[in-house]
């Protein structure tokens, strides 16, 4: 290879590395944007546990359930969304949810 060919090959490799980094970054941004899910699209069953009533779901064939499960896994199996506390059971395929107690802060004057 001549010096010009070496320079061209190095420049091309640098360009390809930059494109690869851009693609990886774009994939991550898209992946993070897709984590939305609608709990109203998931089948919930009312049940009673040792801490009182809650709802549970094993709607594993539902894309909304799958997105919720992914989101929960990204948050160590627990999260609060729109006034509901969600958690994943030990089996990894059952999700429970319970309304969070909403307390109104009191103002002191």
PDB file of N, CA and C in Angstrom:
ATOM      1  N   UNK A   1       0.836  -1.183   0.000  1.00  0.00           N
ATOM      2  CA  UNK A   1       0.000   0.000   0.000  1.00  0.00           C
ATOM      3  C   UNK A   1       0.881   1.246   0.000  1.00  0.00           C
ATOM      4  N   UNK A   2       0.396   2.226  -0.693  1.00  0.00           N
ATOM      5  CA  UNK A   2       1.116   3.501  -0.721  1.00  0.00           C
ATOM      6  C   UNK A   2       0.705   4.316   0.495  1.00  0.00           C
ATOM      7  N   UNK A   3       1.403   5.402   0.717  1.00  0.00           N
ATOM      8  CA  UNK A   3       1.102   6.267   1.852  1.00  0.00           C
ATOM      9  C   UNK A   3      -0.305   6.857   1.726  1.00  0.00           C
ATOM     10  N   UNK A   4      -0.708   7.210   0.498  1.00  0.00           N
ATOM     11  CA  UNK A   4      -2.057   7.756   0.284  1.00  0.00           C
ATOM     12  C   UNK A   4      -3.120   6.696   0.570  1.00  0.00           C
ATOM     13  N   UNK A   5      -2.861   5.454   0.154  1.00  0.00           N
ATOM     14  CA  UNK A   5      -3.818   4.376   0.408  1.00  0.00           C
ATOM     15  C   UNK A   5      -3.939   4.098   1.903  1.00  0.00           C
ATOM     16  N   UNK A   6      -2.788   4.137   2.617  1.00  0.00           N
ATOM     17  CA  UNK A   6      -2.808   3.954   4.070  1.00  0.00           C
ATOM     18  C   UNK A   6      -3.643   5.041   4.748  1.00  0.00           C
ATOM     19  N   UNK A   7      -3.445   6.265   4.326  1.00  0.00           N
ATOM     20  CA  UNK A   7      -4.185   7.399   4.895  1.00  0.00           C
ATOM     21  C   UNK A   7      -5.678   7.259   4.606  1.00  0.00           C
ATOM     22  N   UNK A   8      -6.022   6.852   3.392  1.00  0.00           N
ATOM     23  CA  UNK A   8      -7.425   6.668   3.027  1.00  0.00           C
ATOM     24  C   UNK A   8      -8.055   5.537   3.849  1.00  0.00           C
ATOM     25  N   UNK A   9      -7.322   4.439   4.036  1.00  0.00           N
ATOM     26  CA  UNK A   9      -7.836   3.312   4.822  1.00  0.00           C
ATOM     27  C   UNK A   9      -8.047   3.727   6.278  1.00  0.00           C
ATOM     28  N   UNK A  10      -7.114   4.478   6.836  1.00  0.00           N
ATOM     29  CA  UNK A  10      -7.242   4.948   8.217  1.00  0.00           C
ATOM     30  C   UNK A  10      -8.447   5.873   8.343  1.00  0.00           C
ATOM     31  N   UNK A  11      -8.614   6.775   7.392  1.00  0.00           N
ATOM     32  CA  UNK A  11      -9.744   7.711   7.413  1.00  0.00           C
ATOM     33  C   UNK A  11     -11.065   6.947   7.306  1.00  0.00           C
ATOM     34  N   UNK A  12     -11.119   5.952   6.437  1.00  0.00           N
ATOM     35  CA  UNK A  12     -12.336   5.158   6.280  1.00  0.00           C
ATOM     36  C   UNK A  12     -12.664   4.410   7.572  1.00  0.00           C
ATOM     37  N   UNK A  13     -11.655   3.826   8.215  1.00  0.00           N
ATOM     38  CA  UNK A  13     -11.879   3.100   9.472  1.00  0.00           C
ATOM     39  C   UNK A  13     -12.361   4.048  10.574  1.00  0.00           C
ATOM     40  N   UNK A  14     -11.811   5.242  10.631  1.00  0.00           N
ATOM     41  CA  UNK A  14     -12.262   6.241  11.610  1.00  0.00           C
ATOM     42  C   UNK A  14     -13.724   6.608  11.360  1.00  0.00           C
ATOM     43  N   UNK A  15     -14.067   6.796  10.087  1.00  0.00           N
ATOM     44  CA  UNK A  15     -15.444   7.118   9.730  1.00  0.00           C
ATOM     45  C   UNK A  15     -16.386   5.990  10.148  1.00  0.00           C
ATOM     46  N   UNK A  16     -16.012   4.759   9.849  1.00  0.00           N
ATOM     47  CA  UNK A  16     -16.860   3.612  10.201  1.00  0.00           C
ATOM     48  C   UNK A  16     -17.015   3.474  11.718  1.00  0.00           C
ATOM     49  N   UNK A  17     -15.959   3.749  12.466  1.00  0.00           N
ATOM     50  CA  UNK A  17     -16.047   3.704  13.930  1.00  0.00           C
ATOM     51  C   UNK A  17     -17.022   4.759  14.442  1.00  0.00           C
ATOM     52  N   UNK A  18     -16.986   5.946  13.844  1.00  0.00           N
ATOM     53  CA  UNK A  18     -17.896   7.015  14.244  1.00  0.00           C
ATOM     54  C   UNK A  18     -19.344   6.641  13.921  1.00  0.00           C
ATOM     55  N   UNK A  19     -19.562   6.053  12.753  1.00  0.00           N
ATOM     56  CA  UNK A  19     -20.913   5.622  12.365  1.00  0.00           C
ATOM     57  C   UNK A  19     -21.404   4.548  13.335  1.00  0.00           C
ATOM     58  N   UNK A  20     -20.556   3.596  13.670  1.00  0.00           N
ATOM     59  CA  UNK A  20     -20.921   2.532  14.595  1.00  0.00           C
ATOM     60  C   UNK A  20     -21.297   3.099  15.965  1.00  0.00           C
ATOM     61  N   UNK A  21     -20.538   4.059  16.458  1.00  0.00           N
ATOM     62  CA  UNK A  21     -20.848   4.687  17.747  1.00  0.00           C
ATOM     63  C   UNK A  21     -22.183   5.430  17.672  1.00  0.00           C
ATOM     64  N   UNK A  22     -22.446   6.101  16.561  1.00  0.00           N
ATOM     65  CA  UNK A  22     -23.710   6.815  16.379  1.00  0.00           C
ATOM     66  C   UNK A  22     -24.893   5.871  16.358  1.00  0.00           C
ATOM     67  N   UNK A  23     -24.733   4.740  15.696  1.00  0.00           N
ATOM     68  CA  UNK A  23     -25.801   3.737  15.627  1.00  0.00           C
ATOM     69  C   UNK A  23     -26.085   3.182  17.021  1.00  0.00           C
ATOM     70  N   UNK A  24     -25.033   2.865  17.773  1.00  0.00           N
ATOM     71  CA  UNK A  24     -25.220   2.338  19.128  1.00  0.00           C
ATOM     72  C   UNK A  24     -25.947   3.351  20.005  1.00  0.00           C
ATOM     73  N   UNK A  25     -25.592   4.608  19.881  1.00  0.00           N
ATOM     74  CA  UNK A  25     -26.236   5.657  20.662  1.00  0.00           C
ATOM     75  C   UNK A  25     -27.712   5.803  20.270  1.00  0.00           C
ATOM     76  N   UNK A  26     -27.989   5.781  18.978  1.00  0.00           N
ATOM     77  CA  UNK A  26     -29.372   5.895  18.495  1.00  0.00           C
ATOM     78  C   UNK A  26     -30.212   4.718  18.980  1.00  0.00           C
ATOM     79  N   UNK A  27     -29.651   3.516  18.955  1.00  0.00           N
ATOM     80  CA  UNK A  27     -30.376   2.334  19.438  1.00  0.00           C
ATOM     81  C   UNK A  27     -30.743   2.479  20.906  1.00  0.00           C
ATOM     82  N   UNK A  28     -29.815   2.984  21.709  1.00  0.00           N
ATOM     83  CA  UNK A  28     -30.071   3.160  23.135  1.00  0.00           C
ATOM     84  C   UNK A  28     -31.182   4.179  23.367  1.00  0.00           C
ATOM     85  N   UNK A  29     -31.158   5.275  22.630  1.00  0.00           N
ATOM     86  CA  UNK A  29     -32.186   6.307  22.762  1.00  0.00           C
ATOM     87  C   UNK A  29     -33.555   5.747  22.390  1.00  0.00           C
ATOM     88  N   UNK A  30     -33.622   4.989  21.304  1.00  0.00           N
ATOM     89  CA  UNK A  30     -34.880   4.393  20.859  1.00  0.00           C
ATOM     90  C   UNK A  30     -35.374   3.370  21.877  1.00  0.00           C
ATOM     91  N   UNK A  31     -34.475   2.564  22.387  1.00  0.00           N
ATOM     92  CA  UNK A  31     -34.831   1.548  23.382  1.00  0.00           C
ATOM     93  C   UNK A  31     -35.423   2.204  24.629  1.00  0.00           C
ATOM     94  N   UNK A  32     -34.807   3.278  25.097  1.00  0.00           N
ATOM     95  CA  UNK A  32     -35.302   3.968  26.280  1.00  0.00           C
ATOM     96  C   UNK A  32     -36.661   4.618  26.018  1.00  0.00           C
ATOM     97  N   UNK A  33     -36.880   5.097  24.820  1.00  0.00           N
ATOM     98  CA  UNK A  33     -38.143   5.759  24.490  1.00  0.00           C
ATOM     99  C   UNK A  33     -39.300   4.768  24.415  1.00  0.00           C
ATOM    100  N   UNK A  34     -39.021   3.500  24.154  1.00  0.00           N
ATOM    101  CA  UNK A  34     -40.070   2.492  23.991  1.00  0.00           C
ATOM    102  C   UNK A  34     -40.528   1.874  25.297  1.00  0.00           C
ATOM    103  N   UNK A  35     -40.030   2.343  26.428  1.00  0.00           N
ATOM    104  CA  UNK A  35     -40.366   1.704  27.695  1.00  0.00           C
ATOM    105  C   UNK A  35     -41.753   2.089  28.182  1.00  0.00           C
ATOM    106  N   UNK A  36     -42.484   2.905  27.478  1.00  0.00           N
ATOM    107  CA  UNK A  36     -43.832   3.266  27.905  1.00  0.00           C
ATOM    108  C   UNK A  36     -44.770   2.074  27.813  1.00  0.00           C
ATOM    109  N   UNK A  37     -45.702   2.004  28.723  1.00  0.00           N
ATOM    110  CA  UNK A  37     -46.705   0.940  28.718  1.00  0.00           C
ATOM    111  C   UNK A  37     -47.966   1.461  29.391  1.00  0.00           C
ATOM    112  N   UNK A  38     -49.083   0.884  28.993  1.00  0.00           N
ATOM    113  CA  UNK A  38     -50.387   1.327  29.485  1.00  0.00           C
ATOM    114  C   UNK A  38     -50.982   0.240  30.376  1.00  0.00           C
ATOM    115  N   UNK A  39     -51.055   0.474  31.689  1.00  0.00           N
ATOM    116  CA  UNK A  39     -51.587  -0.555  32.589  1.00  0.00           C
ATOM    117  C   UNK A  39     -53.060  -0.867  32.346  1.00  0.00           C
ATOM    118  N   UNK A  40     -53.796   0.063  31.715  1.00  0.00           N
ATOM    119  CA  UNK A  40     -55.207  -0.197  31.420  1.00  0.00           C
ATOM    120  C   UNK A  40     -55.386  -1.238  30.315  1.00  0.00           C
ATOM    121  N   UNK A  41     -54.322  -1.519  29.574  1.00  0.00           N
ATOM    122  CA  UNK A  41     -54.367  -2.524  28.502  1.00  0.00           C
ATOM    123  C   UNK A  41     -54.018  -3.928  29.017  1.00  0.00           C
ATOM    124  N   UNK A  42     -53.761  -4.026  30.313  1.00  0.00           N
ATOM    125  CA  UNK A  42     -53.347  -5.295  30.929  1.00  0.00           C
ATOM    126  C   UNK A  42     -54.500  -5.856  31.751  1.00  0.00           C
ATOM    127  N   UNK A  43     -54.693  -7.188  31.708  1.00  0.00           N
ATOM    128  CA  UNK A  43     -55.732  -7.848  32.514  1.00  0.00           C
ATOM    129  C   UNK A  43     -55.239  -7.952  33.954  1.00  0.00           C
ATOM    130  N   UNK A  44     -56.018  -7.398  34.882  1.00  0.00           N
ATOM    131  CA  UNK A  44     -55.699  -7.438  36.300  1.00  0.00           C
ATOM    132  C   UNK A  44     -56.771  -8.225  37.034  1.00  0.00           C
ATOM    133  N   UNK A  45     -56.363  -8.976  38.034  1.00  0.00           N
ATOM    134  CA  UNK A  45     -57.270  -9.787  38.844  1.00  0.00           C
ATOM    135  C   UNK A  45     -57.199  -9.283  40.283  1.00  0.00           C
ATOM    136  N   UNK A  46     -58.353  -8.975  40.871  1.00  0.00           N
ATOM    137  CA  UNK A  46     -58.393  -8.554  42.273  1.00  0.00           C
ATOM    138  C   UNK A  46     -58.134  -9.754  43.168  1.00  0.00           C
ATOM    139  N   UNK A  47     -57.298  -9.553  44.180  1.00  0.00           N
ATOM    140  CA  UNK A  47     -56.985 -10.631  45.113  1.00  0.00           C
ATOM    141  C   UNK A  47     -56.640 -10.032  46.471  1.00  0.00           C
ATOM    142  N   UNK A  48     -56.446 -10.891  47.437  1.00  0.00           N
ATOM    143  CA  UNK A  48     -56.165 -10.459  48.811  1.00  0.00           C
ATOM    144  C   UNK A  48     -54.865 -11.102  49.269  1.00  0.00           C
ATOM    145  N   UNK A  49     -54.006 -10.303  49.887  1.00  0.00           N
ATOM    146  CA  UNK A  49     -52.750 -10.808  50.418  1.00  0.00           C
ATOM    147  C   UNK A  49     -52.636 -10.503  51.899  1.00  0.00           C
ATOM    148  N   UNK A  50     -51.512 -10.843  52.501  1.00  0.00           N
ATOM    149  CA  UNK A  50     -51.325 -10.610  53.935  1.00  0.00           C
ATOM    150  C   UNK A  50     -51.334  -9.119  54.279  1.00  0.00           C
ATOM    151  N   UNK A  51     -51.004  -8.255  53.305  1.00  0.00           N
ATOM    152  CA  UNK A  51     -51.004  -6.803  53.528  1.00  0.00           C
ATOM    153  C   UNK A  51     -52.279  -6.152  52.997  1.00  0.00           C
ATOM    154  N   UNK A  52     -53.281  -6.950  52.672  1.00  0.00           N
ATOM    155  CA  UNK A  52     -54.546  -6.391  52.208  1.00  0.00           C
ATOM    156  C   UNK A  52     -54.800  -6.654  50.734  1.00  0.00           C
ATOM    157  N   UNK A  53     -55.827  -5.998  50.181  1.00  0.00           N
ATOM    158  CA  UNK A  53     -56.195  -6.237  48.781  1.00  0.00           C
ATOM    159  C   UNK A  53     -55.183  -5.624  47.814  1.00  0.00           C
ATOM    160  N   UNK A  54     -55.025  -6.288  46.685  1.00  0.00           N
ATOM    161  CA  UNK A  54     -54.162  -5.799  45.603  1.00  0.00           C
ATOM    162  C   UNK A  54     -54.623  -6.444  44.310  1.00  0.00           C
ATOM    163  N   UNK A  55     -54.007  -6.061  43.214  1.00  0.00           N
ATOM    164  CA  UNK A  55     -54.302  -6.683  41.924  1.00  0.00           C
ATOM    165  C   UNK A  55     -53.051  -7.397  41.429  1.00  0.00           C
ATOM    166  N   UNK A  56     -53.275  -8.450  40.665  1.00  0.00           N
ATOM    167  CA  UNK A  56     -52.145  -9.191  40.093  1.00  0.00           C
ATOM    168  C   UNK A  56     -52.428  -9.518  38.646  1.00  0.00           C
ATOM    169  N   UNK A  57     -51.357  -9.737  37.888  1.00  0.00           N
ATOM    170  CA  UNK A  57     -51.508 -10.074  36.480  1.00  0.00           C
ATOM    171  C   UNK A  57     -50.417 -11.044  36.052  1.00  0.00           C
ATOM    172  N   UNK A  58     -50.818 -11.939  35.169  1.00  0.00           N
ATOM    173  CA  UNK A  58     -49.897 -12.859  34.508  1.00  0.00           C
ATOM    174  C   UNK A  58     -50.215 -12.855  33.016  1.00  0.00           C
ATOM    175  N   UNK A  59     -50.499 -11.686  32.482  1.00  0.00           N
ATOM    176  CA  UNK A  59     -50.931 -11.483  31.091  1.00  0.00           C
ATOM    177  C   UNK A  59     -49.712 -11.521  30.154  1.00  0.00           C
ATOM    178  N   UNK A  60     -48.954 -12.621  30.207  1.00  0.00           N
ATOM    179  CA  UNK A  60     -47.633 -12.682  29.572  1.00  0.00           C
ATOM    180  C   UNK A  60     -47.636 -12.591  28.041  1.00  0.00           C
ATOM    181  N   UNK A  61     -48.738 -12.852  27.405  1.00  0.00           N
ATOM    182  CA  UNK A  61     -48.779 -12.748  25.935  1.00  0.00           C
ATOM    183  C   UNK A  61     -49.150 -11.343  25.452  1.00  0.00           C
ATOM    184  N   UNK A  62     -49.363 -10.437  26.378  1.00  0.00           N
ATOM    185  CA  UNK A  62     -49.749  -9.060  26.067  1.00  0.00           C
ATOM    186  C   UNK A  62     -48.493  -8.195  25.926  1.00  0.00           C
ATOM    187  N   UNK A  63     -48.310  -7.494  24.802  1.00  0.00           N
ATOM    188  CA  UNK A  63     -47.126  -6.644  24.621  1.00  0.00           C
ATOM    189  C   UNK A  63     -47.004  -5.556  25.692  1.00  0.00           C
ATOM    190  N   UNK A  64     -48.128  -5.048  26.196  1.00  0.00           N
ATOM    191  CA  UNK A  64     -48.083  -4.040  27.263  1.00  0.00           C
ATOM    192  C   UNK A  64     -47.530  -4.650  28.550  1.00  0.00           C
ATOM    193  N   UNK A  65     -47.924  -5.887  28.838  1.00  0.00           N
ATOM    194  CA  UNK A  65     -47.418  -6.594  30.012  1.00  0.00           C
ATOM    195  C   UNK A  65     -45.910  -6.815  29.877  1.00  0.00           C
ATOM    196  N   UNK A  66     -45.483  -7.218  28.682  1.00  0.00           N
ATOM    197  CA  UNK A  66     -44.052  -7.448  28.449  1.00  0.00           C
ATOM    198  C   UNK A  66     -43.250  -6.167  28.641  1.00  0.00           C
ATOM    199  N   UNK A  67     -43.774  -5.043  28.150  1.00  0.00           N
ATOM    200  CA  UNK A  67     -43.097  -3.754  28.314  1.00  0.00           C
ATOM    201  C   UNK A  67     -43.053  -3.364  29.794  1.00  0.00           C
ATOM    202  N   UNK A  68     -44.145  -3.623  30.516  1.00  0.00           N
ATOM    203  CA  UNK A  68     -44.183  -3.337  31.953  1.00  0.00           C
ATOM    204  C   UNK A  68     -43.150  -4.173  32.694  1.00  0.00           C
ATOM    205  N   UNK A  69     -43.070  -5.444  32.349  1.00  0.00           N
ATOM    206  CA  UNK A  69     -42.117  -6.349  32.989  1.00  0.00           C
ATOM    207  C   UNK A  69     -40.685  -5.888  32.741  1.00  0.00           C
ATOM    208  N   UNK A  70     -40.389  -5.455  31.513  1.00  0.00           N
ATOM    209  CA  UNK A  70     -39.053  -4.935  31.196  1.00  0.00           C
ATOM    210  C   UNK A  70     -38.731  -3.702  32.028  1.00  0.00           C
ATOM    211  N   UNK A  71     -39.715  -2.814  32.146  1.00  0.00           N
ATOM    212  CA  UNK A  71     -39.538  -1.600  32.929  1.00  0.00           C
ATOM    213  C   UNK A  71     -39.299  -1.953  34.396  1.00  0.00           C
ATOM    214  N   UNK A  72     -40.073  -2.892  34.909  1.00  0.00           N
ATOM    215  CA  UNK A  72     -39.887  -3.330  36.291  1.00  0.00           C
ATOM    216  C   UNK A  72     -38.501  -3.941  36.495  1.00  0.00           C
ATOM    217  N   UNK A  73     -38.051  -4.747  35.551  1.00  0.00           N
ATOM    218  CA  UNK A  73     -36.727  -5.354  35.664  1.00  0.00           C
ATOM    219  C   UNK A  73     -35.635  -4.293  35.669  1.00  0.00           C
ATOM    220  N   UNK A  74     -35.845  -3.228  34.900  1.00  0.00           N
ATOM    221  CA  UNK A  74     -34.874  -2.126  34.864  1.00  0.00           C
ATOM    222  C   UNK A  74     -34.862  -1.343  36.175  1.00  0.00           C
ATOM    223  N   UNK A  75     -35.905  -1.510  36.995  1.00  0.00           N
ATOM    224  CA  UNK A  75     -36.004  -0.813  38.277  1.00  0.00           C
ATOM    225  C   UNK A  75     -35.940  -1.804  39.450  1.00  0.00           C
ATOM    226  N   UNK A  76     -35.193  -2.870  39.279  1.00  0.00           N
ATOM    227  CA  UNK A  76     -34.996  -3.882  40.330  1.00  0.00           C
ATOM    228  C   UNK A  76     -36.300  -4.494  40.838  1.00  0.00           C
ATOM    229  N   UNK A  77     -37.285  -4.622  39.941  1.00  0.00           N
ATOM    230  CA  UNK A  77     -38.513  -5.337  40.265  1.00  0.00           C
ATOM    231  C   UNK A  77     -39.586  -4.536  40.968  1.00  0.00           C
ATOM    232  N   UNK A  78     -39.354  -3.225  41.188  1.00  0.00           N
ATOM    233  CA  UNK A  78     -40.352  -2.402  41.885  1.00  0.00           C
ATOM    234  C   UNK A  78     -40.356  -1.009  41.297  1.00  0.00           C
ATOM    235  N   UNK A  79     -41.557  -0.423  41.164  1.00  0.00           N
ATOM    236  CA  UNK A  79     -41.649   0.973  40.745  1.00  0.00           C
ATOM    237  C   UNK A  79     -43.026   1.518  41.041  1.00  0.00           C
ATOM    238  N   UNK A  80     -43.118   2.838  41.063  1.00  0.00           N
ATOM    239  CA  UNK A  80     -44.393   3.522  41.250  1.00  0.00           C
ATOM    240  C   UNK A  80     -44.687   4.306  39.985  1.00  0.00           C
ATOM    241  N   UNK A  81     -45.912   4.164  39.490  1.00  0.00           N
ATOM    242  CA  UNK A  81     -46.327   4.860  38.274  1.00  0.00           C
ATOM    243  C   UNK A  81     -47.778   5.283  38.427  1.00  0.00           C
ATOM    244  N   UNK A  82     -48.034   6.571  38.206  1.00  0.00           N
ATOM    245  CA  UNK A  82     -49.394   7.119  38.218  1.00  0.00           C
ATOM    246  C   UNK A  82     -50.190   6.699  39.448  1.00  0.00           C
ATOM    247  N   UNK A  83     -49.555   6.759  40.614  1.00  0.00           N
ATOM    248  CA  UNK A  83     -50.245   6.462  41.866  1.00  0.00           C
ATOM    249  C   UNK A  83     -50.355   4.989  42.220  1.00  0.00           C
ATOM    250  N   UNK A  84     -49.766   4.115  41.425  1.00  0.00           N
ATOM    251  CA  UNK A  84     -49.784   2.674  41.696  1.00  0.00           C
ATOM    252  C   UNK A  84     -48.367   2.194  41.982  1.00  0.00           C
ATOM    253  N   UNK A  85     -48.224   1.311  42.962  1.00  0.00           N
ATOM    254  CA  UNK A  85     -46.950   0.650  43.242  1.00  0.00           C
ATOM    255  C   UNK A  85     -46.989  -0.719  42.574  1.00  0.00           C
ATOM    256  N   UNK A  86     -45.994  -1.009  41.750  1.00  0.00           N
ATOM    257  CA  UNK A  86     -45.907  -2.279  41.002  1.00  0.00           C
ATOM    258  C   UNK A  86     -44.709  -3.079  41.505  1.00  0.00           C
ATOM    259  N   UNK A  87     -44.827  -4.398  41.528  1.00  0.00           N
ATOM    260  CA  UNK A  87     -43.708  -5.258  41.888  1.00  0.00           C
ATOM    261  C   UNK A  87     -43.819  -6.585  41.154  1.00  0.00           C
ATOM    262  N   UNK A  88     -42.675  -7.230  40.989  1.00  0.00           N
ATOM    263  CA  UNK A  88     -42.616  -8.542  40.327  1.00  0.00           C
ATOM    264  C   UNK A  88     -42.478  -9.607  41.406  1.00  0.00           C
ATOM    265  N   UNK A  89     -43.281 -10.657  41.298  1.00  0.00           N
ATOM    266  CA  UNK A  89     -43.179 -11.779  42.222  1.00  0.00           C
ATOM    267  C   UNK A  89     -41.912 -12.587  41.923  1.00  0.00           C
ATOM    268  N   UNK A  90     -41.546 -13.453  42.852  1.00  0.00           N
ATOM    269  CA  UNK A  90     -40.320 -14.243  42.715  1.00  0.00           C
ATOM    270  C   UNK A  90     -40.281 -15.095  41.461  1.00  0.00           C
ATOM    271  N   UNK A  91     -41.442 -15.531  40.961  1.00  0.00           N
ATOM    272  CA  UNK A  91     -41.445 -16.382  39.774  1.00  0.00           C
ATOM    273  C   UNK A  91     -41.035 -15.609  38.515  1.00  0.00           C
ATOM    274  N   UNK A  92     -41.016 -14.267  38.591  1.00  0.00           N
ATOM    275  CA  UNK A  92     -40.561 -13.439  37.472  1.00  0.00           C
ATOM    276  C   UNK A  92     -41.588 -13.191  36.388  1.00  0.00           C
ATOM    277  N   UNK A  93     -42.772 -13.804  36.503  1.00  0.00           N
ATOM    278  CA  UNK A  93     -43.799 -13.635  35.468  1.00  0.00           C
ATOM    279  C   UNK A  93     -45.120 -13.100  36.018  1.00  0.00           C
ATOM    280  N   UNK A  94     -45.214 -12.943  37.317  1.00  0.00           N
ATOM    281  CA  UNK A  94     -46.422 -12.395  37.931  1.00  0.00           C
ATOM    282  C   UNK A  94     -46.096 -11.009  38.466  1.00  0.00           C
ATOM    283  N   UNK A  95     -47.007 -10.069  38.192  1.00  0.00           N
ATOM    284  CA  UNK A  95     -46.829  -8.696  38.664  1.00  0.00           C
ATOM    285  C   UNK A  95     -48.004  -8.336  39.561  1.00  0.00           C
ATOM    286  N   UNK A  96     -47.695  -7.684  40.663  1.00  0.00           N
ATOM    287  CA  UNK A  96     -48.724  -7.189  41.563  1.00  0.00           C
ATOM    288  C   UNK A  96     -48.737  -5.668  41.516  1.00  0.00           C
ATOM    289  N   UNK A  97     -49.879  -5.097  41.853  1.00  0.00           N
ATOM    290  CA  UNK A  97     -49.966  -3.647  41.962  1.00  0.00           C
ATOM    291  C   UNK A  97     -50.956  -3.283  43.048  1.00  0.00           C
ATOM    292  N   UNK A  98     -50.682  -2.144  43.693  1.00  0.00           N
ATOM    293  CA  UNK A  98     -51.525  -1.663  44.771  1.00  0.00           C
ATOM    294  C   UNK A  98     -51.510  -0.144  44.720  1.00  0.00           C
ATOM    295  N   UNK A  99     -52.682   0.464  44.947  1.00  0.00           N
ATOM    296  CA  UNK A  99     -52.778   1.924  44.968  1.00  0.00           C
ATOM    297  C   UNK A  99     -51.901   2.448  46.097  1.00  0.00           C
ATOM    298  N   UNK A 100     -51.094   3.451  45.780  1.00  0.00           N
ATOM    299  CA  UNK A 100     -50.283   4.120  46.794  1.00  0.00           C
ATOM    300  C   UNK A 100     -51.178   5.032  47.610  1.00  0.00           C
ATOM    301  N   UNK A 101     -50.927   5.122  48.894  1.00  0.00           N
ATOM    302  CA  UNK A 101     -51.656   6.075  49.737  1.00  0.00           C
ATOM    303  C   UNK A 101     -51.193   7.464  49.384  1.00  0.00           C
ATOM    304  N   UNK A 102     -52.114   8.291  48.978  1.00  0.00           N
ATOM    305  CA  UNK A 102     -51.795   9.674  48.633  1.00  0.00           C
ATOM    306  C   UNK A 102     -52.082  10.548  49.842  1.00  0.00           C
ATOM    307  N   UNK A 103     -51.057  11.122  50.403  1.00  0.00           N
ATOM    308  CA  UNK A 103     -51.275  12.028  51.531  1.00  0.00           C
ATOM    309  C   UNK A 103     -51.033  13.449  51.051  1.00  0.00           C
ATOM    310  N   UNK A 104     -51.874  14.343  51.502  1.00  0.00           N
ATOM    311  CA  UNK A 104     -51.738  15.744  51.132  1.00  0.00           C
ATOM    312  C   UNK A 104     -50.886  16.428  52.191  1.00  0.00           C
ATOM    313  N   UNK A 105     -49.776  17.031  51.774  1.00  0.00           N
ATOM    314  CA  UNK A 105     -48.939  17.706  52.770  1.00  0.00           C
ATOM    315  C   UNK A 105     -49.688  18.911  53.343  1.00  0.00           C
ATOM    316  N   UNK A 106     -49.520  19.107  54.628  1.00  0.00           N
ATOM    317  CA  UNK A 106     -50.159  20.251  55.260  1.00  0.00           C
ATOM    318  C   UNK A 106     -49.186  21.408  55.311  1.00  0.00           C
ATOM    319  N   UNK A 107     -49.708  22.593  55.084  1.00  0.00           N
ATOM    320  CA  UNK A 107     -48.871  23.786  55.114  1.00  0.00           C
ATOM    321  C   UNK A 107     -48.885  24.363  56.521  1.00  0.00           C
ATOM    322  N   UNK A 108     -47.722  24.743  56.975  1.00  0.00           N
ATOM    323  CA  UNK A 108     -47.652  25.438  58.257  1.00  0.00           C
ATOM    324  C   UNK A 108     -47.421  26.913  57.983  1.00  0.00           C
ATOM    325  N   UNK A 109     -48.172  27.746  58.657  1.00  0.00           N
ATOM    326  CA  UNK A 109     -48.053  29.185  58.415  1.00  0.00           C
ATOM    327  C   UNK A 109     -47.590  29.906  59.627  1.00  0.00           C
TER     328      UNK A 109
END
